[in-house]
Amino acid sequence: MCMDKRPATDVFHDWALNGKDEGMEKGHAASVNEMLSFISKQVAKSNQKFSAVDVGCGNGWVVRKLKSNEMCQYAMGIDGAAAMIEKAKKIDSSTDYIHALLPEFHPGRKFDIIHSMEFLYYLEDPESMLKSFHDDWLNDGGWAVIGIDHYAENEDSLSWPDYVGVNMATRSTEQWHNAWMKAGFKNVEHWIAGGESGVTLVFTGQK
């Protein structure tokens, strides 16, 4: 019997209230550190100050890591779970943390770096979000660095929609790659992050 699905933002709101955000931070740390290392390398190559946004920022832990890069001149976080944003603001009141639902929200500015971990597949049409990231969110030459744990080849993740009780868009690695290319990204690469037992499918692409 299939349980009724809830909006992912509601689930993560509850998780923040229950303190599960700390577990998410710990569980994703290895993969995110690889993603941040990739970002640092691109920043070092350009040797220019950068702006960044973390989409699906949770309690803001990645935003704070981005801010700690001496070349970062501005970083903001966006999340659809109100309790996550409240927690982020309590930890770090000097940063812009925005409570907003995507894909409807538009930031009103463009960024050099988009980071996102475990966000895209909660959308009904993640391909359109990728296109919007490319067209509307990124500066020319900017990079999107996106990690996902739920995808067709990660068989353990295929039960998550029913287990967590939310809709998830299941795509294969090839489907994700095609979506990045169709959205207009160049220099598209992907790898599995998180160490020997890691499962995070990371895609990177440049505008």
N, C-alpha and C. Protein backbone atom coordinates (compact mmCIF):
# COMPACT_ATOMS: atom_id res chain seq x y z
N MET A 1 0.85 -1.19 0.00
CA MET A 1 0.00 0.00 0.00
C MET A 1 0.88 1.24 0.00
N CYS A 2 0.69 2.13 -0.95
CA CYS A 2 1.52 3.31 -1.09
C CYS A 2 1.00 4.43 -0.21
N MET A 3 1.88 5.00 0.60
CA MET A 3 1.44 6.08 1.48
C MET A 3 1.29 7.37 0.68
N ASP A 4 0.46 8.28 1.17
CA ASP A 4 0.29 9.56 0.51
C ASP A 4 1.60 10.34 0.60
N LYS A 5 1.96 10.98 -0.50
CA LYS A 5 3.20 11.75 -0.54
C LYS A 5 2.98 13.15 0.03
N ARG A 6 3.99 13.65 0.73
CA ARG A 6 3.97 15.01 1.26
C ARG A 6 4.96 15.86 0.47
N PRO A 7 4.78 17.18 0.49
CA PRO A 7 5.81 18.03 -0.12
C PRO A 7 7.13 17.84 0.63
N ALA A 8 8.23 17.79 -0.11
CA ALA A 8 9.54 17.59 0.51
C ALA A 8 9.84 18.71 1.51
N THR A 9 9.38 19.92 1.21
CA THR A 9 9.65 21.04 2.12
C THR A 9 9.02 20.82 3.48
N ASP A 10 7.85 20.19 3.51
CA ASP A 10 7.21 19.88 4.79
C ASP A 10 8.01 18.85 5.58
N VAL A 11 8.49 17.84 4.87
CA VAL A 11 9.28 16.79 5.52
C VAL A 11 10.54 17.40 6.14
N PHE A 12 11.24 18.25 5.38
CA PHE A 12 12.49 18.82 5.87
C PHE A 12 12.24 19.87 6.96
N HIS A 13 11.11 20.50 6.92
CA HIS A 13 10.72 21.39 8.02
C HIS A 13 10.66 20.60 9.32
N ASP A 14 10.00 19.45 9.26
CA ASP A 14 9.90 18.59 10.44
C ASP A 14 11.27 18.08 10.86
N TRP A 15 12.10 17.74 9.89
CA TRP A 15 13.44 17.23 10.21
C TRP A 15 14.25 18.29 10.95
N ALA A 16 14.12 19.54 10.54
CA ALA A 16 14.85 20.62 11.23
C ALA A 16 14.38 20.74 12.67
N LEU A 17 13.07 20.63 12.87
CA LEU A 17 12.52 20.72 14.23
C LEU A 17 13.00 19.56 15.09
N ASN A 18 13.24 18.41 14.46
CA ASN A 18 13.68 17.21 15.19
C ASN A 18 15.19 17.07 15.28
N GLY A 19 15.91 18.05 14.71
CA GLY A 19 17.37 18.00 14.77
C GLY A 19 18.02 17.08 13.76
N LYS A 20 17.24 16.60 12.79
CA LYS A 20 17.82 15.68 11.80
C LYS A 20 18.75 16.39 10.81
N ASP A 21 18.71 17.72 10.79
CA ASP A 21 19.57 18.45 9.86
C ASP A 21 21.05 18.21 10.18
N GLU A 22 21.37 18.01 11.48
CA GLU A 22 22.76 17.74 11.84
C GLU A 22 23.21 16.41 11.24
N GLY A 23 22.31 15.42 11.22
CA GLY A 23 22.64 14.13 10.62
C GLY A 23 22.84 14.23 9.13
N MET A 24 22.02 15.07 8.47
CA MET A 24 22.18 15.28 7.04
C MET A 24 23.53 15.92 6.73
N GLU A 25 23.89 16.89 7.57
CA GLU A 25 25.17 17.58 7.41
C GLU A 25 26.32 16.59 7.52
N LYS A 26 26.27 15.73 8.52
CA LYS A 26 27.32 14.74 8.75
C LYS A 26 27.37 13.73 7.59
N GLY A 27 26.21 13.27 7.17
CA GLY A 27 26.14 12.27 6.12
C GLY A 27 26.60 12.76 4.76
N HIS A 28 26.41 14.06 4.52
CA HIS A 28 26.77 14.62 3.21
C HIS A 28 28.15 15.26 3.19
N ALA A 29 28.81 15.33 4.33
CA ALA A 29 30.05 16.11 4.45
C ALA A 29 31.13 15.67 3.45
N ALA A 30 31.34 14.35 3.32
CA ALA A 30 32.42 13.87 2.44
C ALA A 30 32.17 14.28 0.99
N SER A 31 30.94 14.10 0.53
CA SER A 31 30.60 14.45 -0.85
C SER A 31 30.69 15.96 -1.06
N VAL A 32 30.14 16.72 -0.12
CA VAL A 32 30.15 18.18 -0.26
C VAL A 32 31.57 18.72 -0.24
N ASN A 33 32.43 18.13 0.57
CA ASN A 33 33.82 18.60 0.59
C ASN A 33 34.48 18.42 -0.78
N GLU A 34 34.14 17.34 -1.49
CA GLU A 34 34.66 17.16 -2.85
C GLU A 34 34.10 18.24 -3.79
N MET A 35 32.82 18.54 -3.60
CA MET A 35 32.20 19.57 -4.44
C MET A 35 32.82 20.94 -4.18
N LEU A 36 33.07 21.23 -2.90
CA LEU A 36 33.68 22.51 -2.55
C LEU A 36 35.13 22.58 -3.03
N SER A 37 35.80 21.43 -3.03
CA SER A 37 37.18 21.39 -3.55
C SER A 37 37.19 21.72 -5.04
N PHE A 38 36.21 21.18 -5.77
CA PHE A 38 36.09 21.50 -7.20
C PHE A 38 35.87 23.00 -7.38
N ILE A 39 34.97 23.57 -6.56
CA ILE A 39 34.70 25.01 -6.64
C ILE A 39 35.97 25.81 -6.36
N SER A 40 36.71 25.42 -5.33
CA SER A 40 37.94 26.14 -4.97
C SER A 40 38.94 26.13 -6.11
N LYS A 41 39.02 25.00 -6.82
CA LYS A 41 39.95 24.90 -7.95
C LYS A 41 39.56 25.86 -9.08
N GLN A 42 38.26 25.94 -9.35
CA GLN A 42 37.81 26.85 -10.41
C GLN A 42 38.05 28.31 -10.02
N VAL A 43 37.83 28.61 -8.75
CA VAL A 43 38.06 29.97 -8.24
C VAL A 43 39.55 30.31 -8.35
N ALA A 44 40.39 29.35 -7.99
CA ALA A 44 41.84 29.59 -8.04
C ALA A 44 42.30 29.84 -9.48
N LYS A 45 41.69 29.11 -10.43
CA LYS A 45 42.05 29.30 -11.84
C LYS A 45 41.71 30.71 -12.31
N SER A 46 40.52 31.19 -11.94
CA SER A 46 40.08 32.51 -12.39
C SER A 46 40.75 33.62 -11.59
N ASN A 47 41.11 33.30 -10.34
CA ASN A 47 41.74 34.27 -9.43
C ASN A 47 40.91 35.54 -9.29
N GLN A 48 39.59 35.37 -9.27
CA GLN A 48 38.68 36.50 -9.12
C GLN A 48 37.71 36.23 -7.98
N LYS A 49 37.29 37.31 -7.34
CA LYS A 49 36.27 37.20 -6.29
C LYS A 49 35.01 36.58 -6.89
N PHE A 50 34.25 35.85 -6.05
CA PHE A 50 33.06 35.18 -6.58
C PHE A 50 31.87 35.34 -5.64
N SER A 51 30.69 35.22 -6.24
CA SER A 51 29.44 35.16 -5.48
C SER A 51 28.88 33.75 -5.61
N ALA A 52 28.15 33.30 -4.58
CA ALA A 52 27.67 31.92 -4.58
C ALA A 52 26.30 31.82 -3.93
N VAL A 53 25.57 30.81 -4.35
CA VAL A 53 24.28 30.49 -3.74
C VAL A 53 24.22 28.98 -3.52
N ASP A 54 23.69 28.61 -2.35
CA ASP A 54 23.44 27.19 -2.07
C ASP A 54 21.94 26.99 -2.13
N VAL A 55 21.49 26.20 -3.10
CA VAL A 55 20.06 25.96 -3.30
C VAL A 55 19.66 24.68 -2.58
N GLY A 56 18.73 24.83 -1.63
CA GLY A 56 18.40 23.73 -0.73
C GLY A 56 19.41 23.71 0.41
N CYS A 57 19.61 24.88 1.02
CA CYS A 57 20.74 25.10 1.93
C CYS A 57 20.57 24.48 3.31
N GLY A 58 19.35 24.02 3.65
CA GLY A 58 19.15 23.45 4.98
C GLY A 58 19.50 24.45 6.06
N ASN A 59 20.32 24.04 7.02
CA ASN A 59 20.67 24.95 8.12
C ASN A 59 21.83 25.88 7.78
N GLY A 60 22.22 25.91 6.51
CA GLY A 60 23.20 26.89 6.04
C GLY A 60 24.66 26.49 6.17
N TRP A 61 24.91 25.23 6.48
CA TRP A 61 26.30 24.83 6.74
C TRP A 61 27.22 24.97 5.54
N VAL A 62 26.68 24.72 4.32
CA VAL A 62 27.52 24.86 3.13
C VAL A 62 27.74 26.34 2.80
N VAL A 63 26.73 27.15 3.03
CA VAL A 63 26.88 28.60 2.81
C VAL A 63 28.03 29.14 3.67
N ARG A 64 28.08 28.69 4.91
CA ARG A 64 29.14 29.15 5.81
C ARG A 64 30.52 28.67 5.34
N LYS A 65 30.56 27.47 4.76
CA LYS A 65 31.82 26.97 4.20
C LYS A 65 32.23 27.81 2.97
N LEU A 66 31.26 28.14 2.12
CA LEU A 66 31.55 28.97 0.96
C LEU A 66 32.07 30.35 1.39
N LYS A 67 31.43 30.90 2.41
CA LYS A 67 31.83 32.22 2.91
C LYS A 67 33.25 32.22 3.46
N SER A 68 33.70 31.06 3.94
CA SER A 68 35.04 30.99 4.54
C SER A 68 36.14 31.05 3.49
N ASN A 69 35.80 30.87 2.21
CA ASN A 69 36.78 31.02 1.14
C ASN A 69 37.11 32.51 1.00
N GLU A 70 38.40 32.84 1.09
CA GLU A 70 38.81 34.25 1.10
C GLU A 70 38.43 34.99 -0.17
N MET A 71 38.13 34.25 -1.25
CA MET A 71 37.76 34.89 -2.51
C MET A 71 36.25 35.13 -2.61
N CYS A 72 35.48 34.63 -1.64
CA CYS A 72 34.03 34.78 -1.69
C CYS A 72 33.62 36.17 -1.21
N GLN A 73 32.95 36.91 -2.09
CA GLN A 73 32.51 38.25 -1.71
C GLN A 73 31.04 38.28 -1.31
N TYR A 74 30.29 37.24 -1.68
CA TYR A 74 28.88 37.18 -1.29
C TYR A 74 28.38 35.75 -1.41
N ALA A 75 27.65 35.30 -0.39
CA ALA A 75 27.03 33.98 -0.45
C ALA A 75 25.65 34.05 0.19
N MET A 76 24.71 33.32 -0.39
CA MET A 76 23.37 33.27 0.18
C MET A 76 22.85 31.84 0.11
N GLY A 77 21.83 31.55 0.92
CA GLY A 77 21.21 30.24 0.93
C GLY A 77 19.72 30.34 0.72
N ILE A 78 19.17 29.35 0.05
CA ILE A 78 17.73 29.30 -0.23
C ILE A 78 17.21 27.93 0.17
N ASP A 79 16.08 27.89 0.86
CA ASP A 79 15.47 26.61 1.20
C ASP A 79 13.96 26.80 1.34
N GLY A 80 13.23 25.74 1.00
CA GLY A 80 11.77 25.80 1.08
C GLY A 80 11.21 25.40 2.43
N ALA A 81 12.08 24.93 3.34
CA ALA A 81 11.63 24.51 4.67
C ALA A 81 11.87 25.66 5.66
N ALA A 82 10.79 26.20 6.19
CA ALA A 82 10.88 27.39 7.04
C ALA A 82 11.77 27.15 8.26
N ALA A 83 11.65 26.00 8.88
CA ALA A 83 12.43 25.73 10.09
C ALA A 83 13.93 25.64 9.79
N MET A 84 14.28 25.16 8.61
CA MET A 84 15.69 25.12 8.21
C MET A 84 16.25 26.54 8.12
N ILE A 85 15.51 27.43 7.48
CA ILE A 85 15.96 28.82 7.33
C ILE A 85 16.03 29.51 8.69
N GLU A 86 15.06 29.26 9.55
CA GLU A 86 15.10 29.85 10.90
C GLU A 86 16.35 29.41 11.63
N LYS A 87 16.69 28.13 11.50
CA LYS A 87 17.88 27.60 12.16
C LYS A 87 19.14 28.24 11.58
N ALA A 88 19.18 28.38 10.25
CA ALA A 88 20.34 28.99 9.60
C ALA A 88 20.56 30.42 10.09
N LYS A 89 19.48 31.17 10.21
CA LYS A 89 19.58 32.57 10.66
C LYS A 89 20.02 32.68 12.11
N LYS A 90 19.61 31.71 12.94
CA LYS A 90 20.05 31.71 14.34
C LYS A 90 21.54 31.46 14.45
N ILE A 91 22.04 30.56 13.60
CA ILE A 91 23.46 30.23 13.63
C ILE A 91 24.30 31.37 13.06
N ASP A 92 23.77 32.03 12.03
CA ASP A 92 24.55 33.02 11.26
C ASP A 92 23.62 34.13 10.80
N SER A 93 23.48 35.15 11.62
CA SER A 93 22.51 36.22 11.34
C SER A 93 23.02 37.23 10.32
N SER A 94 24.28 37.13 9.93
CA SER A 94 24.86 38.14 9.03
C SER A 94 24.76 37.75 7.56
N THR A 95 24.14 36.60 7.29
CA THR A 95 24.06 36.10 5.91
C THR A 95 22.61 36.07 5.43
N ASP A 96 22.43 36.23 4.13
CA ASP A 96 21.08 36.17 3.54
C ASP A 96 20.64 34.72 3.38
N TYR A 97 19.68 34.32 4.21
CA TYR A 97 19.04 33.01 4.07
C TYR A 97 17.58 33.26 3.70
N ILE A 98 17.17 32.74 2.56
CA ILE A 98 15.86 33.04 1.99
C ILE A 98 14.95 31.83 2.08
N HIS A 99 13.76 32.02 2.66
CA HIS A 99 12.75 30.96 2.63
C HIS A 99 11.93 31.15 1.37
N ALA A 100 12.02 30.21 0.44
CA ALA A 100 11.34 30.36 -0.84
C ALA A 100 11.13 29.00 -1.47
N LEU A 101 10.06 28.91 -2.26
CA LEU A 101 9.76 27.67 -2.98
C LEU A 101 10.27 27.76 -4.41
N LEU A 102 10.89 26.70 -4.85
CA LEU A 102 11.39 26.62 -6.22
C LEU A 102 10.56 25.59 -6.98
N PRO A 103 10.38 25.80 -8.27
CA PRO A 103 11.13 26.70 -9.16
C PRO A 103 10.58 28.12 -9.28
N GLU A 104 9.53 28.46 -8.52
CA GLU A 104 8.88 29.76 -8.71
C GLU A 104 9.79 30.93 -8.36
N PHE A 105 10.62 30.76 -7.33
CA PHE A 105 11.45 31.86 -6.84
C PHE A 105 12.58 32.20 -7.80
N HIS A 106 12.84 33.50 -7.97
CA HIS A 106 14.00 33.97 -8.72
C HIS A 106 14.79 34.92 -7.83
N PRO A 107 16.11 34.78 -7.77
CA PRO A 107 16.89 35.51 -6.77
C PRO A 107 17.07 37.00 -7.03
N GLY A 108 16.78 37.46 -8.24
CA GLY A 108 16.93 38.90 -8.50
C GLY A 108 18.38 39.31 -8.77
N ARG A 109 19.27 38.36 -8.85
CA ARG A 109 20.67 38.62 -9.19
C ARG A 109 21.25 37.33 -9.74
N LYS A 110 22.46 37.42 -10.30
CA LYS A 110 23.13 36.23 -10.80
C LYS A 110 24.38 35.92 -9.98
N PHE A 111 24.85 34.69 -10.08
CA PHE A 111 25.94 34.21 -9.26
C PHE A 111 27.04 33.60 -10.12
N ASP A 112 28.23 33.54 -9.53
CA ASP A 112 29.35 32.87 -10.20
C ASP A 112 29.35 31.37 -9.91
N ILE A 113 28.77 31.00 -8.76
CA ILE A 113 28.74 29.60 -8.34
C ILE A 113 27.34 29.25 -7.85
N ILE A 114 26.78 28.16 -8.36
CA ILE A 114 25.57 27.55 -7.78
C ILE A 114 26.00 26.21 -7.20
N HIS A 115 25.77 26.05 -5.91
CA HIS A 115 25.98 24.76 -5.26
C HIS A 115 24.63 24.21 -4.84
N SER A 116 24.44 22.92 -4.99
CA SER A 116 23.19 22.31 -4.54
C SER A 116 23.42 20.84 -4.24
N MET A 117 22.97 20.41 -3.08
CA MET A 117 23.12 19.01 -2.68
C MET A 117 21.75 18.46 -2.30
N GLU A 118 21.33 17.40 -2.99
CA GLU A 118 20.08 16.74 -2.64
C GLU A 118 18.87 17.67 -2.74
N PHE A 119 18.75 18.32 -3.89
CA PHE A 119 17.61 19.22 -4.11
C PHE A 119 16.85 18.91 -5.40
N LEU A 120 17.59 18.79 -6.51
CA LEU A 120 16.97 18.80 -7.83
C LEU A 120 15.87 17.76 -8.01
N TYR A 121 16.08 16.55 -7.52
CA TYR A 121 15.13 15.48 -7.84
C TYR A 121 13.82 15.57 -7.06
N TYR A 122 13.73 16.52 -6.14
CA TYR A 122 12.45 16.73 -5.46
C TYR A 122 11.48 17.55 -6.32
N LEU A 123 11.98 18.13 -7.38
CA LEU A 123 11.13 18.91 -8.29
C LEU A 123 10.45 17.99 -9.29
N GLU A 124 9.27 18.38 -9.73
CA GLU A 124 8.55 17.60 -10.75
C GLU A 124 9.29 17.64 -12.08
N ASP A 125 9.92 18.78 -12.37
CA ASP A 125 10.59 18.96 -13.65
C ASP A 125 11.99 19.52 -13.40
N PRO A 126 12.92 18.66 -12.93
CA PRO A 126 14.27 19.16 -12.62
C PRO A 126 15.00 19.69 -13.84
N GLU A 127 14.65 19.18 -15.02
CA GLU A 127 15.31 19.64 -16.24
C GLU A 127 15.06 21.13 -16.48
N SER A 128 13.83 21.59 -16.20
CA SER A 128 13.52 23.01 -16.36
C SER A 128 14.29 23.86 -15.36
N MET A 129 14.50 23.33 -14.16
CA MET A 129 15.27 24.06 -13.14
C MET A 129 16.71 24.21 -13.59
N LEU A 130 17.27 23.14 -14.15
CA LEU A 130 18.64 23.23 -14.68
C LEU A 130 18.75 24.31 -15.75
N LYS A 131 17.77 24.36 -16.63
CA LYS A 131 17.75 25.37 -17.69
C LYS A 131 17.67 26.77 -17.09
N SER A 132 16.86 26.92 -16.04
CA SER A 132 16.73 28.21 -15.38
C SER A 132 18.03 28.59 -14.66
N PHE A 133 18.67 27.60 -14.02
CA PHE A 133 19.97 27.86 -13.40
C PHE A 133 20.93 28.44 -14.44
N HIS A 134 20.97 27.80 -15.61
CA HIS A 134 21.89 28.24 -16.66
C HIS A 134 21.52 29.63 -17.18
N ASP A 135 20.26 29.82 -17.49
CA ASP A 135 19.85 31.05 -18.16
C ASP A 135 19.70 32.23 -17.20
N ASP A 136 19.12 31.98 -16.04
CA ASP A 136 18.66 33.07 -15.17
C ASP A 136 19.47 33.28 -13.90
N TRP A 137 20.23 32.26 -13.48
CA TRP A 137 20.91 32.34 -12.19
C TRP A 137 22.42 32.54 -12.30
N LEU A 138 23.03 32.07 -13.38
CA LEU A 138 24.50 32.08 -13.48
C LEU A 138 25.03 33.24 -14.31
N ASN A 139 26.12 33.82 -13.83
CA ASN A 139 26.88 34.75 -14.65
C ASN A 139 27.61 33.99 -15.75
N ASP A 140 27.95 34.68 -16.83
CA ASP A 140 28.74 34.05 -17.89
C ASP A 140 30.04 33.53 -17.29
N GLY A 141 30.37 32.29 -17.63
CA GLY A 141 31.58 31.68 -17.09
C GLY A 141 31.38 31.03 -15.73
N GLY A 142 30.20 31.20 -15.15
CA GLY A 142 29.93 30.65 -13.83
C GLY A 142 29.73 29.14 -13.86
N TRP A 143 29.81 28.53 -12.68
CA TRP A 143 29.71 27.07 -12.55
C TRP A 143 28.53 26.66 -11.70
N ALA A 144 27.87 25.58 -12.11
CA ALA A 144 26.89 24.89 -11.27
C ALA A 144 27.52 23.58 -10.83
N VAL A 145 27.41 23.29 -9.52
CA VAL A 145 27.98 22.07 -8.94
C VAL A 145 26.88 21.43 -8.11
N ILE A 146 26.36 20.31 -8.60
CA ILE A 146 25.13 19.75 -8.03
C ILE A 146 25.31 18.27 -7.70
N GLY A 147 24.96 17.90 -6.48
CA GLY A 147 25.07 16.52 -6.03
C GLY A 147 23.71 15.90 -5.77
N ILE A 148 23.52 14.66 -6.19
CA ILE A 148 22.27 13.95 -5.94
C ILE A 148 22.58 12.51 -5.51
N ASP A 149 21.82 12.02 -4.58
CA ASP A 149 21.99 10.64 -4.11
C ASP A 149 20.92 9.69 -4.65
N HIS A 150 19.82 10.26 -5.13
CA HIS A 150 18.73 9.44 -5.66
C HIS A 150 18.79 9.47 -7.19
N TYR A 151 19.21 8.34 -7.78
CA TYR A 151 19.27 8.23 -9.24
C TYR A 151 19.18 6.74 -9.58
N ALA A 152 18.92 6.45 -10.82
CA ALA A 152 18.54 5.09 -11.23
C ALA A 152 19.59 4.05 -10.88
N GLU A 153 20.87 4.39 -11.04
CA GLU A 153 21.92 3.40 -10.79
C GLU A 153 22.15 3.13 -9.30
N ASN A 154 21.72 4.03 -8.45
CA ASN A 154 21.86 3.82 -7.00
C ASN A 154 20.61 3.08 -6.52
N GLU A 155 20.67 1.76 -6.60
CA GLU A 155 19.48 0.95 -6.36
C GLU A 155 18.91 1.12 -4.95
N ASP A 156 19.80 1.35 -3.98
CA ASP A 156 19.31 1.54 -2.61
C ASP A 156 18.39 2.75 -2.48
N SER A 157 18.57 3.71 -3.39
CA SER A 157 17.79 4.96 -3.29
C SER A 157 16.41 4.85 -3.91
N LEU A 158 16.16 3.77 -4.65
CA LEU A 158 14.91 3.68 -5.39
C LEU A 158 13.70 3.49 -4.49
N SER A 159 13.93 3.05 -3.26
CA SER A 159 12.83 2.89 -2.31
C SER A 159 12.55 4.16 -1.51
N TRP A 160 13.40 5.17 -1.66
CA TRP A 160 13.25 6.38 -0.85
C TRP A 160 11.92 7.10 -1.00
N PRO A 161 11.39 7.24 -2.23
CA PRO A 161 10.12 7.98 -2.35
C PRO A 161 9.03 7.42 -1.44
N ASP A 162 8.92 6.10 -1.37
CA ASP A 162 7.91 5.50 -0.49
C ASP A 162 8.33 5.56 0.97
N TYR A 163 9.63 5.35 1.23
CA TYR A 163 10.11 5.33 2.61
C TYR A 163 9.99 6.72 3.26
N VAL A 164 10.40 7.75 2.52
CA VAL A 164 10.35 9.12 3.05
C VAL A 164 8.96 9.71 2.90
N GLY A 165 8.23 9.23 1.88
CA GLY A 165 6.88 9.73 1.65
C GLY A 165 6.82 10.99 0.83
N VAL A 166 7.78 11.14 -0.11
CA VAL A 166 7.78 12.31 -0.99
C VAL A 166 8.01 11.85 -2.43
N ASN A 167 7.55 12.66 -3.38
CA ASN A 167 7.81 12.36 -4.78
C ASN A 167 9.26 12.69 -5.12
N MET A 168 9.90 11.84 -5.90
CA MET A 168 11.26 12.08 -6.36
C MET A 168 11.33 11.77 -7.85
N ALA A 169 12.02 12.62 -8.59
CA ALA A 169 12.21 12.40 -10.02
C ALA A 169 13.42 11.49 -10.22
N THR A 170 13.17 10.27 -10.66
CA THR A 170 14.26 9.30 -10.83
C THR A 170 14.80 9.38 -12.24
N ARG A 171 16.09 9.69 -12.35
CA ARG A 171 16.75 9.78 -13.65
C ARG A 171 18.02 8.93 -13.61
N SER A 172 18.44 8.47 -14.77
CA SER A 172 19.72 7.77 -14.88
C SER A 172 20.83 8.79 -15.06
N THR A 173 22.07 8.34 -14.89
CA THR A 173 23.21 9.24 -15.11
C THR A 173 23.19 9.81 -16.52
N GLU A 174 22.86 8.97 -17.49
CA GLU A 174 22.80 9.44 -18.88
C GLU A 174 21.71 10.49 -19.07
N GLN A 175 20.56 10.28 -18.43
CA GLN A 175 19.48 11.27 -18.53
C GLN A 175 19.89 12.60 -17.91
N TRP A 176 20.59 12.53 -16.77
CA TRP A 176 21.08 13.77 -16.15
C TRP A 176 22.07 14.46 -17.07
N HIS A 177 22.97 13.69 -17.64
CA HIS A 177 23.97 14.29 -18.54
C HIS A 177 23.30 14.98 -19.72
N ASN A 178 22.33 14.32 -20.30
CA ASN A 178 21.62 14.91 -21.43
C ASN A 178 20.89 16.19 -21.01
N ALA A 179 20.35 16.20 -19.79
CA ALA A 179 19.63 17.38 -19.31
C ALA A 179 20.58 18.57 -19.15
N TRP A 180 21.78 18.31 -18.66
CA TRP A 180 22.77 19.39 -18.53
C TRP A 180 23.16 19.94 -19.89
N MET A 181 23.36 19.05 -20.85
CA MET A 181 23.74 19.49 -22.19
C MET A 181 22.61 20.29 -22.84
N LYS A 182 21.39 19.80 -22.67
CA LYS A 182 20.23 20.47 -23.26
C LYS A 182 20.00 21.84 -22.62
N ALA A 183 20.34 21.97 -21.34
CA ALA A 183 20.17 23.25 -20.65
C ALA A 183 21.17 24.29 -21.13
N GLY A 184 22.22 23.84 -21.82
CA GLY A 184 23.18 24.77 -22.39
C GLY A 184 24.54 24.79 -21.71
N PHE A 185 24.74 23.94 -20.72
CA PHE A 185 26.03 23.92 -20.02
C PHE A 185 27.13 23.37 -20.91
N LYS A 186 28.34 23.87 -20.68
CA LYS A 186 29.52 23.33 -21.35
C LYS A 186 30.46 22.79 -20.27
N ASN A 187 31.50 22.09 -20.73
CA ASN A 187 32.47 21.48 -19.80
C ASN A 187 31.77 20.63 -18.73
N VAL A 188 30.76 19.89 -19.16
CA VAL A 188 29.97 19.07 -18.23
C VAL A 188 30.77 17.81 -17.84
N GLU A 189 30.87 17.60 -16.54
CA GLU A 189 31.56 16.42 -16.02
C GLU A 189 30.72 15.81 -14.91
N HIS A 190 30.98 14.54 -14.61
CA HIS A 190 30.32 13.94 -13.45
C HIS A 190 31.22 12.89 -12.83
N TRP A 191 31.02 12.65 -11.54
CA TRP A 191 31.76 11.60 -10.84
C TRP A 191 30.94 11.17 -9.62
N ILE A 192 31.34 10.05 -9.03
CA ILE A 192 30.71 9.58 -7.80
C ILE A 192 31.57 10.05 -6.63
N ALA A 193 30.98 10.84 -5.76
CA ALA A 193 31.71 11.44 -4.64
C ALA A 193 31.35 10.73 -3.32
N GLY A 194 32.20 10.95 -2.32
CA GLY A 194 31.89 10.45 -0.99
C GLY A 194 32.79 9.33 -0.52
N GLY A 195 33.90 9.12 -1.23
CA GLY A 195 34.83 8.07 -0.80
C GLY A 195 34.47 6.70 -1.34
N GLU A 196 35.09 5.67 -0.79
CA GLU A 196 34.93 4.31 -1.31
C GLU A 196 33.48 3.83 -1.28
N SER A 197 32.77 4.21 -0.24
CA SER A 197 31.37 3.79 -0.13
C SER A 197 30.40 4.89 -0.57
N GLY A 198 30.95 5.92 -1.20
CA GLY A 198 30.12 7.05 -1.61
C GLY A 198 29.17 6.71 -2.74
N VAL A 199 28.04 7.41 -2.76
CA VAL A 199 27.04 7.19 -3.82
C VAL A 199 26.62 8.49 -4.49
N THR A 200 27.14 9.63 -4.03
CA THR A 200 26.66 10.91 -4.55
C THR A 200 27.11 11.11 -5.99
N LEU A 201 26.14 11.29 -6.86
CA LEU A 201 26.39 11.61 -8.26
C LEU A 201 26.52 13.12 -8.38
N VAL A 202 27.74 13.57 -8.64
CA VAL A 202 28.00 15.00 -8.77
C VAL A 202 28.13 15.38 -10.24
N PHE A 203 27.39 16.39 -10.63
CA PHE A 203 27.51 16.96 -11.97
C PHE A 203 28.01 18.39 -11.85
N THR A 204 28.91 18.77 -12.74
CA THR A 204 29.38 20.14 -12.82
C THR A 204 29.28 20.61 -14.26
N GLY A 205 29.01 21.89 -14.42
CA GLY A 205 28.92 22.46 -15.75
C GLY A 205 29.09 23.96 -15.69
N GLN A 206 29.55 24.52 -16.79
CA GLN A 206 29.87 25.94 -16.85
C GLN A 206 28.98 26.65 -17.87
N LYS A 207 28.64 27.88 -17.56
CA LYS A 207 27.85 28.68 -18.51
C LYS A 207 28.78 29.34 -19.52
